[in-house]
Amino acid sequence: DPYLAPLIADDQYLNGLATTYINVCQYDVLRDEGIWFGKRLEKLGVQVQVDLLDCFHAWNLFTEDIDSANEAMIKLTSFVKKHL
């Protein structure tokens, strides 16, 4: 299902997406898929920002305890504020 795995979605569904933010974590088994998806969106003309974070999956649960998780949250919130 492309809603669960957007890399398999047809281009017609991805073309014209809103500006997109993708964060990928250095220590995550899904890292490469996130990078590939960002590159695919770029090829389709979607404005996309991909940030490679020095974190692990579920970093957002640890923003008060781990500096790199806090930095990731700052990047995410800055992107959202800029594009709202």
Foldseek 3Di string as FASTA:
>chain_A
DCVVVVVPDDLVVLQPDAEEEAEAEPAEPCRVSRVVVQVVSVVSVHHYDYHYFPDYPPLCVQLVPDVSSVVVVVVVVVVVVVRD
